[in-house]
């Protein structure tokens, strides 16, 4: 499966990891690498992960979100999820993680 990942700044000068495609075994490392880089280089107190175009998220993808959240916390940053697709939001709800992160 394919994964598109880019980092942009939003109107509040927060870094946004814009993700499209599947976050799974084949793409997890690329997602984590870009996420860690964004967290490490950002001077903002918040980092945003835009999940609007995520088409598939398995348990490894959920684990990657948890890892990025931990890295954000360790860097004294807050991780925010933006526009999770219906599929992602439904999955987060089913596994009890919908309220684990701020969602905008």
N, C-alpha and C. Protein backbone atom coordinates (compact mmCIF):
# COMPACT_ATOMS: atom_id res chain seq x y z
N UNK A 1 0.84 -1.18 0.00
CA UNK A 1 0.00 0.00 0.00
C UNK A 1 0.88 1.24 0.00
N UNK A 2 0.34 2.33 -0.42
CA UNK A 2 1.09 3.56 -0.58
C UNK A 2 0.79 4.53 0.55
N UNK A 3 1.78 5.35 0.90
CA UNK A 3 1.61 6.38 1.92
C UNK A 3 2.24 7.66 1.43
N UNK A 4 1.48 8.74 1.48
CA UNK A 4 2.00 10.07 1.18
C UNK A 4 2.10 10.82 2.50
N UNK A 5 3.25 11.41 2.75
CA UNK A 5 3.49 12.13 4.00
C UNK A 5 4.22 13.43 3.68
N UNK A 6 3.69 14.54 4.17
CA UNK A 6 4.33 15.84 3.98
C UNK A 6 4.14 16.66 5.25
N UNK A 7 5.07 17.56 5.49
CA UNK A 7 4.97 18.46 6.64
C UNK A 7 4.72 19.87 6.12
N UNK A 8 3.69 20.51 6.69
CA UNK A 8 3.32 21.88 6.33
C UNK A 8 3.14 22.67 7.62
N UNK A 9 3.10 23.99 7.51
CA UNK A 9 2.75 24.84 8.65
C UNK A 9 1.32 25.30 8.47
N UNK A 10 0.55 25.31 9.58
CA UNK A 10 -0.82 25.81 9.49
C UNK A 10 -0.85 27.29 9.83
N UNK A 11 -2.03 27.88 9.89
CA UNK A 11 -2.19 29.31 10.15
C UNK A 11 -1.73 29.74 11.52
N UNK A 12 -1.52 28.78 12.41
CA UNK A 12 -1.03 29.08 13.77
C UNK A 12 0.46 28.76 13.91
N UNK A 13 1.13 28.57 12.78
CA UNK A 13 2.56 28.22 12.74
C UNK A 13 2.87 26.90 13.44
N UNK A 14 1.90 26.01 13.45
CA UNK A 14 2.13 24.66 13.99
C UNK A 14 2.50 23.75 12.83
N UNK A 15 3.44 22.84 13.05
CA UNK A 15 3.75 21.87 12.01
C UNK A 15 2.61 20.86 11.88
N UNK A 16 2.28 20.52 10.65
CA UNK A 16 1.21 19.57 10.38
C UNK A 16 1.77 18.45 9.52
N UNK A 17 1.69 17.22 10.03
CA UNK A 17 2.06 16.05 9.26
C UNK A 17 0.82 15.63 8.50
N UNK A 18 0.82 15.88 7.20
CA UNK A 18 -0.33 15.56 6.34
C UNK A 18 -0.11 14.17 5.78
N UNK A 19 -1.04 13.27 6.10
CA UNK A 19 -0.87 11.86 5.78
C UNK A 19 -1.99 11.42 4.83
N UNK A 20 -1.64 10.67 3.81
CA UNK A 20 -2.62 10.12 2.89
C UNK A 20 -2.27 8.69 2.54
N UNK A 21 -3.26 7.82 2.50
CA UNK A 21 -3.03 6.42 2.17
C UNK A 21 -3.14 5.55 3.40
N UNK A 22 -2.38 4.47 3.40
CA UNK A 22 -2.47 3.46 4.46
C UNK A 22 -1.30 3.57 5.42
N UNK A 23 -1.61 3.46 6.71
CA UNK A 23 -0.56 3.35 7.73
C UNK A 23 -0.63 1.91 8.23
N UNK A 24 0.33 1.11 7.78
CA UNK A 24 0.33 -0.32 8.09
C UNK A 24 1.78 -0.81 8.17
N UNK A 25 1.97 -2.10 8.17
CA UNK A 25 3.32 -2.68 8.28
C UNK A 25 4.27 -2.12 7.23
N UNK A 26 3.79 -1.98 6.01
CA UNK A 26 4.66 -1.55 4.91
C UNK A 26 5.04 -0.07 4.99
N UNK A 27 4.23 0.75 5.66
CA UNK A 27 4.44 2.20 5.63
C UNK A 27 4.73 2.80 7.00
N UNK A 28 4.61 2.02 8.03
CA UNK A 28 4.73 2.51 9.41
C UNK A 28 6.05 3.24 9.67
N UNK A 29 7.16 2.67 9.24
CA UNK A 29 8.46 3.28 9.52
C UNK A 29 8.59 4.66 8.86
N UNK A 30 8.11 4.78 7.66
CA UNK A 30 8.16 6.08 6.97
C UNK A 30 7.33 7.11 7.72
N UNK A 31 6.13 6.70 8.15
CA UNK A 31 5.26 7.57 8.93
C UNK A 31 5.96 8.00 10.23
N UNK A 32 6.54 7.04 10.94
CA UNK A 32 7.23 7.36 12.19
C UNK A 32 8.43 8.27 11.95
N UNK A 33 9.23 7.98 10.93
CA UNK A 33 10.41 8.80 10.65
C UNK A 33 10.03 10.26 10.43
N UNK A 34 9.02 10.50 9.60
CA UNK A 34 8.59 11.88 9.33
C UNK A 34 7.99 12.51 10.58
N UNK A 35 7.24 11.74 11.35
CA UNK A 35 6.66 12.26 12.58
C UNK A 35 7.71 12.63 13.61
N UNK A 36 8.68 11.75 13.82
CA UNK A 36 9.77 12.04 14.77
C UNK A 36 10.55 13.28 14.33
N UNK A 37 10.82 13.37 13.03
CA UNK A 37 11.55 14.53 12.51
C UNK A 37 10.77 15.82 12.78
N UNK A 38 9.46 15.79 12.54
CA UNK A 38 8.63 16.97 12.77
C UNK A 38 8.67 17.37 14.25
N UNK A 39 8.54 16.39 15.13
CA UNK A 39 8.54 16.68 16.57
C UNK A 39 9.90 17.25 16.99
N UNK A 40 10.96 16.64 16.51
CA UNK A 40 12.31 17.04 16.89
C UNK A 40 12.66 18.46 16.42
N UNK A 41 12.21 18.84 15.24
CA UNK A 41 12.62 20.12 14.67
C UNK A 41 11.64 21.26 14.96
N UNK A 42 10.48 20.96 15.48
CA UNK A 42 9.47 22.00 15.71
C UNK A 42 9.77 22.81 16.96
N UNK A 43 9.50 24.12 16.86
CA UNK A 43 9.60 24.99 18.03
C UNK A 43 8.22 25.28 18.61
N UNK A 44 7.19 24.76 17.97
CA UNK A 44 5.81 24.95 18.43
C UNK A 44 5.51 24.05 19.63
N UNK A 45 4.57 24.48 20.46
CA UNK A 45 4.15 23.66 21.60
C UNK A 45 3.18 22.56 21.18
N UNK A 46 2.66 22.65 19.96
CA UNK A 46 1.74 21.63 19.44
C UNK A 46 2.23 21.12 18.09
N UNK A 47 1.99 19.84 17.87
CA UNK A 47 2.21 19.23 16.56
C UNK A 47 0.90 18.60 16.14
N UNK A 48 0.61 18.68 14.86
CA UNK A 48 -0.68 18.23 14.34
C UNK A 48 -0.45 17.10 13.34
N UNK A 49 -1.30 16.08 13.42
CA UNK A 49 -1.27 15.01 12.43
C UNK A 49 -2.62 15.02 11.72
N UNK A 50 -2.59 15.34 10.43
CA UNK A 50 -3.81 15.43 9.63
C UNK A 50 -4.08 14.06 9.01
N UNK A 51 -5.18 13.45 9.44
CA UNK A 51 -5.52 12.09 9.01
C UNK A 51 -6.71 12.05 8.04
N UNK A 52 -7.03 13.18 7.44
CA UNK A 52 -8.21 13.25 6.58
C UNK A 52 -8.15 12.28 5.41
N UNK A 53 -6.97 12.05 4.87
CA UNK A 53 -6.83 11.21 3.68
C UNK A 53 -6.27 9.83 3.97
N UNK A 54 -6.33 9.42 5.25
CA UNK A 54 -5.89 8.07 5.60
C UNK A 54 -6.99 7.08 5.22
N UNK A 55 -6.64 6.11 4.40
CA UNK A 55 -7.62 5.14 3.91
C UNK A 55 -7.60 3.83 4.69
N UNK A 56 -6.51 3.57 5.42
CA UNK A 56 -6.39 2.33 6.17
C UNK A 56 -5.45 2.56 7.34
N UNK A 57 -5.83 2.02 8.49
CA UNK A 57 -5.01 2.13 9.70
C UNK A 57 -5.17 0.83 10.46
N UNK A 58 -4.07 0.08 10.61
CA UNK A 58 -4.16 -1.17 11.35
C UNK A 58 -3.57 -0.98 12.74
N UNK A 59 -3.40 -2.08 13.48
CA UNK A 59 -2.90 -1.98 14.86
C UNK A 59 -1.49 -1.39 14.90
N UNK A 60 -0.68 -1.64 13.87
CA UNK A 60 0.65 -1.04 13.82
C UNK A 60 0.58 0.47 13.63
N UNK A 61 -0.41 0.91 12.86
CA UNK A 61 -0.63 2.35 12.68
C UNK A 61 -1.08 3.01 13.97
N UNK A 62 -1.98 2.34 14.70
CA UNK A 62 -2.41 2.86 16.01
C UNK A 62 -1.19 2.93 16.93
N UNK A 63 -0.39 1.89 16.93
CA UNK A 63 0.82 1.88 17.74
C UNK A 63 1.76 3.03 17.38
N UNK A 64 1.85 3.34 16.10
CA UNK A 64 2.70 4.45 15.65
C UNK A 64 2.17 5.78 16.18
N UNK A 65 0.85 5.95 16.19
CA UNK A 65 0.27 7.17 16.76
C UNK A 65 0.62 7.28 18.24
N UNK A 66 0.53 6.16 18.95
CA UNK A 66 0.87 6.14 20.37
C UNK A 66 2.35 6.51 20.56
N UNK A 67 3.22 5.97 19.72
CA UNK A 67 4.65 6.29 19.81
C UNK A 67 4.92 7.77 19.55
N UNK A 68 4.25 8.33 18.55
CA UNK A 68 4.44 9.75 18.27
C UNK A 68 3.90 10.61 19.40
N UNK A 69 2.81 10.19 20.00
CA UNK A 69 2.27 10.92 21.14
C UNK A 69 3.27 10.90 22.30
N UNK A 70 3.86 9.76 22.55
CA UNK A 70 4.87 9.64 23.62
C UNK A 70 6.06 10.55 23.32
N UNK A 71 6.53 10.54 22.07
CA UNK A 71 7.66 11.38 21.69
C UNK A 71 7.31 12.86 21.84
N UNK A 72 6.08 13.22 21.50
CA UNK A 72 5.62 14.61 21.66
C UNK A 72 5.65 15.00 23.12
N UNK A 73 5.11 14.16 23.97
CA UNK A 73 5.08 14.44 25.40
C UNK A 73 6.49 14.59 25.95
N UNK A 74 7.38 13.70 25.55
CA UNK A 74 8.77 13.77 26.02
C UNK A 74 9.46 15.05 25.56
N UNK A 75 8.99 15.62 24.44
CA UNK A 75 9.55 16.88 23.93
C UNK A 75 8.74 18.08 24.42
N UNK A 76 7.85 17.84 25.40
CA UNK A 76 6.99 18.90 25.98
C UNK A 76 6.10 19.55 24.92
N UNK A 77 5.58 18.72 24.03
CA UNK A 77 4.65 19.18 22.99
C UNK A 77 3.34 18.39 23.11
N UNK A 78 2.29 18.98 22.61
CA UNK A 78 0.99 18.31 22.60
C UNK A 78 0.68 17.88 21.18
N UNK A 79 0.30 16.63 21.01
CA UNK A 79 -0.06 16.11 19.69
C UNK A 79 -1.57 16.24 19.49
N UNK A 80 -1.95 16.77 18.35
CA UNK A 80 -3.35 16.98 18.00
C UNK A 80 -3.64 16.22 16.71
N UNK A 81 -4.78 15.53 16.66
CA UNK A 81 -5.21 14.88 15.42
C UNK A 81 -6.18 15.81 14.71
N UNK A 82 -5.99 15.95 13.41
CA UNK A 82 -6.88 16.81 12.62
C UNK A 82 -7.64 15.97 11.61
N UNK A 83 -8.93 16.23 11.53
CA UNK A 83 -9.80 15.65 10.49
C UNK A 83 -9.62 14.16 10.25
N UNK A 84 -9.64 13.34 11.31
CA UNK A 84 -9.51 11.91 11.01
C UNK A 84 -10.65 11.47 10.09
N UNK A 85 -10.31 10.68 9.09
CA UNK A 85 -11.33 10.17 8.17
C UNK A 85 -12.37 9.38 8.96
N UNK A 86 -13.53 9.18 8.39
CA UNK A 86 -14.59 8.42 9.07
C UNK A 86 -14.09 7.06 9.49
N UNK A 87 -13.32 6.42 8.63
CA UNK A 87 -12.78 5.09 8.93
C UNK A 87 -11.86 5.14 10.15
N UNK A 88 -10.98 6.14 10.20
CA UNK A 88 -10.04 6.26 11.32
C UNK A 88 -10.79 6.62 12.60
N UNK A 89 -11.70 7.56 12.52
CA UNK A 89 -12.47 7.96 13.71
C UNK A 89 -13.25 6.78 14.27
N UNK A 90 -13.86 6.00 13.39
CA UNK A 90 -14.62 4.83 13.82
C UNK A 90 -13.72 3.82 14.53
N UNK A 91 -12.53 3.60 13.98
CA UNK A 91 -11.59 2.68 14.60
C UNK A 91 -11.16 3.19 15.98
N UNK A 92 -10.81 4.47 16.07
CA UNK A 92 -10.42 5.05 17.36
C UNK A 92 -11.54 4.91 18.39
N UNK A 93 -12.77 5.10 17.94
CA UNK A 93 -13.93 4.97 18.84
C UNK A 93 -14.07 3.52 19.31
N UNK A 94 -13.96 2.56 18.38
CA UNK A 94 -14.14 1.14 18.72
C UNK A 94 -13.10 0.64 19.71
N UNK A 95 -11.88 1.16 19.62
CA UNK A 95 -10.84 0.67 20.53
C UNK A 95 -10.65 1.56 21.75
N UNK A 96 -11.52 2.56 21.90
CA UNK A 96 -11.49 3.39 23.09
C UNK A 96 -10.43 4.47 23.11
N UNK A 97 -9.94 4.88 21.94
CA UNK A 97 -8.90 5.91 21.88
C UNK A 97 -9.38 7.24 21.28
N UNK A 98 -10.67 7.34 21.03
CA UNK A 98 -11.16 8.58 20.39
C UNK A 98 -10.87 9.81 21.26
N UNK A 99 -10.89 9.65 22.56
CA UNK A 99 -10.63 10.78 23.45
C UNK A 99 -9.19 10.83 23.95
N UNK A 100 -8.33 9.98 23.41
CA UNK A 100 -6.93 9.94 23.87
C UNK A 100 -6.15 11.17 23.42
N UNK A 101 -6.55 11.77 22.30
CA UNK A 101 -5.89 12.95 21.76
C UNK A 101 -6.90 14.02 21.44
N UNK A 102 -6.51 15.28 21.53
CA UNK A 102 -7.40 16.34 21.04
C UNK A 102 -7.62 16.14 19.55
N UNK A 103 -8.85 16.32 19.11
CA UNK A 103 -9.19 16.18 17.70
C UNK A 103 -9.81 17.49 17.23
N UNK A 104 -9.29 17.98 16.12
CA UNK A 104 -9.85 19.21 15.55
C UNK A 104 -10.28 18.99 14.12
